[in-house]
Each structure stands twice: as structure tokens, then as C-alpha cells.
Amino acid sequence: MEEENLNLTWEIRVSEGRAGTDPEAPDWEVAELENGVVKNNADIYDNLTFAEAQQIAGMWTKKKEDAEVS
């Protein structure tokens, strides 16, 4: 059995149908990408302000980096 080389990243983007012009509006989402692709729509967290989206993406990135060091 071969081990899959999985690359997880998180993308902050404007939710579909939203303007994305106001960073305080809940127009933003964070999508978990596996090798650059959303594999599960449940891994998209939406209705976030831009600051909330940045915080979530940063938290997940740090958690991933911490797991790689362990």
C-alpha cells in the first residue's frame, strides 16, 4: 500500500454571491484544499468576516505545522 502525499492548505475567499467589498461583512469563507482541490464541501466554513477567516486559516495552518514537527 502506497502512502498518499497529501498537501493540506486553506484558502480565504469571497463566498459565492457575496460582494466581498467590506471586510467586516460576513462575506468570507475558508476552504480546506487537499492537493489544491476542495474534496468535501463540509470543509468550507462560511459567513465569516475577513478577520475571522484569517484567524481560522492561521489556526489550522499552525496546527498542521505543529503536527509535522511532532
N, C-alpha and C. Protein backbone atom coordinates (compact mmCIF):
# COMPACT_ATOMS: atom_id res chain seq x y z
N MET A 1 0.84 -1.18 0.00
CA MET A 1 0.00 0.00 0.00
C MET A 1 0.88 1.25 0.00
N GLU A 2 0.65 2.14 -0.95
CA GLU A 2 1.43 3.36 -1.03
C GLU A 2 0.83 4.44 -0.16
N GLU A 3 1.68 5.21 0.49
CA GLU A 3 1.22 6.33 1.29
C GLU A 3 0.98 7.53 0.37
N GLU A 4 -0.22 8.11 0.49
CA GLU A 4 -0.56 9.27 -0.34
C GLU A 4 0.15 10.50 0.18
N ASN A 5 0.72 11.28 -0.71
CA ASN A 5 1.38 12.53 -0.34
C ASN A 5 0.32 13.62 -0.36
N LEU A 6 -0.32 13.85 0.78
CA LEU A 6 -1.43 14.79 0.90
C LEU A 6 -0.91 16.15 1.32
N ASN A 7 -1.26 17.17 0.56
CA ASN A 7 -0.88 18.54 0.87
C ASN A 7 -2.14 19.31 1.24
N LEU A 8 -2.31 19.62 2.53
CA LEU A 8 -3.45 20.40 3.00
C LEU A 8 -3.10 21.87 3.05
N THR A 9 -3.96 22.69 2.48
CA THR A 9 -3.83 24.14 2.55
C THR A 9 -5.22 24.73 2.79
N TRP A 10 -5.24 26.00 3.18
CA TRP A 10 -6.51 26.68 3.44
C TRP A 10 -6.54 27.96 2.65
N GLU A 11 -7.68 28.18 2.00
CA GLU A 11 -7.83 29.35 1.14
C GLU A 11 -8.95 30.24 1.70
N ILE A 12 -8.65 31.52 1.83
CA ILE A 12 -9.66 32.51 2.21
C ILE A 12 -10.19 33.11 0.92
N ARG A 13 -11.50 33.10 0.78
CA ARG A 13 -12.08 33.62 -0.45
C ARG A 13 -13.46 34.21 -0.16
N VAL A 14 -13.97 34.96 -1.12
CA VAL A 14 -15.30 35.55 -1.01
C VAL A 14 -16.32 34.45 -1.29
N SER A 15 -17.33 34.35 -0.44
CA SER A 15 -18.39 33.36 -0.64
C SER A 15 -19.16 33.67 -1.93
N GLU A 16 -19.63 32.64 -2.57
CA GLU A 16 -20.36 32.79 -3.82
C GLU A 16 -21.58 33.69 -3.60
N GLY A 17 -21.77 34.62 -4.50
CA GLY A 17 -22.91 35.52 -4.44
C GLY A 17 -22.74 36.70 -3.50
N ARG A 18 -21.57 36.83 -2.88
CA ARG A 18 -21.30 37.93 -1.96
C ARG A 18 -20.37 38.93 -2.62
N ALA A 19 -20.42 40.17 -2.14
CA ALA A 19 -19.62 41.24 -2.74
C ALA A 19 -18.16 41.16 -2.34
N GLY A 20 -17.90 40.92 -1.06
CA GLY A 20 -16.52 40.88 -0.60
C GLY A 20 -15.85 42.24 -0.56
N THR A 21 -16.63 43.29 -0.53
CA THR A 21 -16.04 44.64 -0.53
C THR A 21 -15.86 45.19 0.88
N ASP A 22 -16.54 44.61 1.86
CA ASP A 22 -16.46 45.07 3.25
C ASP A 22 -15.85 43.96 4.10
N PRO A 23 -14.65 44.17 4.64
CA PRO A 23 -14.02 43.12 5.44
C PRO A 23 -14.79 42.79 6.72
N GLU A 24 -15.69 43.68 7.15
CA GLU A 24 -16.48 43.43 8.36
C GLU A 24 -17.78 42.67 8.07
N ALA A 25 -18.13 42.54 6.80
CA ALA A 25 -19.34 41.81 6.42
C ALA A 25 -19.05 40.30 6.40
N PRO A 26 -20.08 39.48 6.71
CA PRO A 26 -19.86 38.02 6.71
C PRO A 26 -19.87 37.44 5.29
N ASP A 27 -19.00 37.97 4.46
CA ASP A 27 -18.93 37.58 3.04
C ASP A 27 -17.82 36.58 2.75
N TRP A 28 -17.10 36.13 3.74
CA TRP A 28 -15.87 35.37 3.52
C TRP A 28 -16.02 33.92 3.95
N GLU A 29 -15.19 33.08 3.37
CA GLU A 29 -15.17 31.67 3.74
C GLU A 29 -13.73 31.16 3.72
N VAL A 30 -13.52 30.09 4.45
CA VAL A 30 -12.23 29.39 4.46
C VAL A 30 -12.49 28.00 3.92
N ALA A 31 -11.76 27.63 2.89
CA ALA A 31 -11.91 26.30 2.29
C ALA A 31 -10.66 25.49 2.55
N GLU A 32 -10.86 24.24 2.97
CA GLU A 32 -9.73 23.31 3.12
C GLU A 32 -9.50 22.65 1.78
N LEU A 33 -8.27 22.76 1.29
CA LEU A 33 -7.91 22.17 0.00
C LEU A 33 -6.98 20.99 0.21
N GLU A 34 -7.29 19.90 -0.45
CA GLU A 34 -6.42 18.73 -0.45
C GLU A 34 -5.77 18.68 -1.82
N ASN A 35 -4.46 18.91 -1.84
CA ASN A 35 -3.72 18.98 -3.11
C ASN A 35 -4.36 19.99 -4.06
N GLY A 36 -4.81 21.11 -3.49
CA GLY A 36 -5.33 22.21 -4.29
C GLY A 36 -6.80 22.13 -4.65
N VAL A 37 -7.52 21.11 -4.14
CA VAL A 37 -8.92 20.90 -4.52
C VAL A 37 -9.77 20.71 -3.26
N VAL A 38 -10.97 21.31 -3.26
CA VAL A 38 -11.92 21.05 -2.18
C VAL A 38 -12.49 19.66 -2.42
N LYS A 39 -12.24 18.74 -1.49
CA LYS A 39 -12.73 17.36 -1.63
C LYS A 39 -14.08 17.17 -0.97
N ASN A 40 -14.41 18.03 0.02
CA ASN A 40 -15.64 17.87 0.78
C ASN A 40 -16.19 19.26 1.09
N ASN A 41 -17.40 19.53 0.63
CA ASN A 41 -17.99 20.84 0.88
C ASN A 41 -18.20 21.12 2.37
N ALA A 42 -18.20 20.09 3.20
CA ALA A 42 -18.31 20.29 4.65
C ALA A 42 -17.04 20.94 5.19
N ASP A 43 -15.98 20.96 4.40
CA ASP A 43 -14.72 21.59 4.81
C ASP A 43 -14.63 23.06 4.39
N ILE A 44 -15.78 23.64 4.04
CA ILE A 44 -15.84 25.07 3.73
C ILE A 44 -16.61 25.75 4.86
N TYR A 45 -15.97 26.68 5.51
CA TYR A 45 -16.59 27.41 6.62
C TYR A 45 -16.88 28.82 6.14
N ASP A 46 -18.17 29.19 6.14
CA ASP A 46 -18.56 30.47 5.55
C ASP A 46 -19.25 31.38 6.56
N ASN A 47 -19.77 32.50 6.05
CA ASN A 47 -20.41 33.53 6.87
C ASN A 47 -19.43 34.12 7.89
N LEU A 48 -18.21 34.33 7.46
CA LEU A 48 -17.16 34.88 8.32
C LEU A 48 -16.80 36.29 7.87
N THR A 49 -16.35 37.11 8.82
CA THR A 49 -15.72 38.36 8.43
C THR A 49 -14.31 38.01 7.94
N PHE A 50 -13.65 38.94 7.30
CA PHE A 50 -12.31 38.67 6.80
C PHE A 50 -11.36 38.34 7.96
N ALA A 51 -11.48 39.07 9.07
CA ALA A 51 -10.62 38.82 10.23
C ALA A 51 -10.86 37.42 10.81
N GLU A 52 -12.12 37.00 10.87
CA GLU A 52 -12.43 35.65 11.37
C GLU A 52 -11.84 34.59 10.44
N ALA A 53 -11.95 34.82 9.14
CA ALA A 53 -11.41 33.88 8.16
C ALA A 53 -9.89 33.77 8.30
N GLN A 54 -9.23 34.91 8.49
CA GLN A 54 -7.77 34.90 8.67
C GLN A 54 -7.40 34.14 9.95
N GLN A 55 -8.17 34.34 11.00
CA GLN A 55 -7.88 33.67 12.27
C GLN A 55 -8.03 32.15 12.14
N ILE A 56 -9.09 31.71 11.49
CA ILE A 56 -9.32 30.27 11.33
C ILE A 56 -8.23 29.65 10.44
N ALA A 57 -7.94 30.27 9.31
CA ALA A 57 -6.91 29.74 8.42
C ALA A 57 -5.56 29.70 9.13
N GLY A 58 -5.25 30.74 9.89
CA GLY A 58 -3.99 30.76 10.63
C GLY A 58 -3.92 29.67 11.69
N MET A 59 -5.03 29.45 12.39
CA MET A 59 -5.08 28.43 13.43
C MET A 59 -4.86 27.04 12.83
N TRP A 60 -5.52 26.75 11.71
CA TRP A 60 -5.37 25.44 11.07
C TRP A 60 -3.97 25.26 10.51
N THR A 61 -3.41 26.32 9.94
CA THR A 61 -2.04 26.23 9.41
C THR A 61 -1.06 25.94 10.54
N LYS A 62 -1.21 26.63 11.67
CA LYS A 62 -0.32 26.39 12.81
C LYS A 62 -0.48 24.97 13.34
N LYS A 63 -1.72 24.50 13.42
CA LYS A 63 -1.97 23.13 13.90
C LYS A 63 -1.28 22.12 12.99
N LYS A 64 -1.35 22.35 11.67
CA LYS A 64 -0.69 21.45 10.72
C LYS A 64 0.83 21.49 10.91
N GLU A 65 1.38 22.69 11.04
CA GLU A 65 2.83 22.83 11.23
C GLU A 65 3.28 22.17 12.53
N ASP A 66 2.50 22.32 13.58
CA ASP A 66 2.84 21.70 14.86
C ASP A 66 2.81 20.18 14.75
N ALA A 67 1.86 19.65 14.01
CA ALA A 67 1.76 18.20 13.84
C ALA A 67 2.94 17.66 13.04
N GLU A 68 3.43 18.44 12.08
CA GLU A 68 4.57 18.00 11.27
C GLU A 68 5.86 17.97 12.07
N VAL A 69 5.96 18.82 13.08
CA VAL A 69 7.17 18.89 13.91
C VAL A 69 7.20 17.74 14.90
N SER A 70 6.03 17.32 15.37
CA SER A 70 5.95 16.26 16.39
C SER A 70 6.43 14.93 15.90
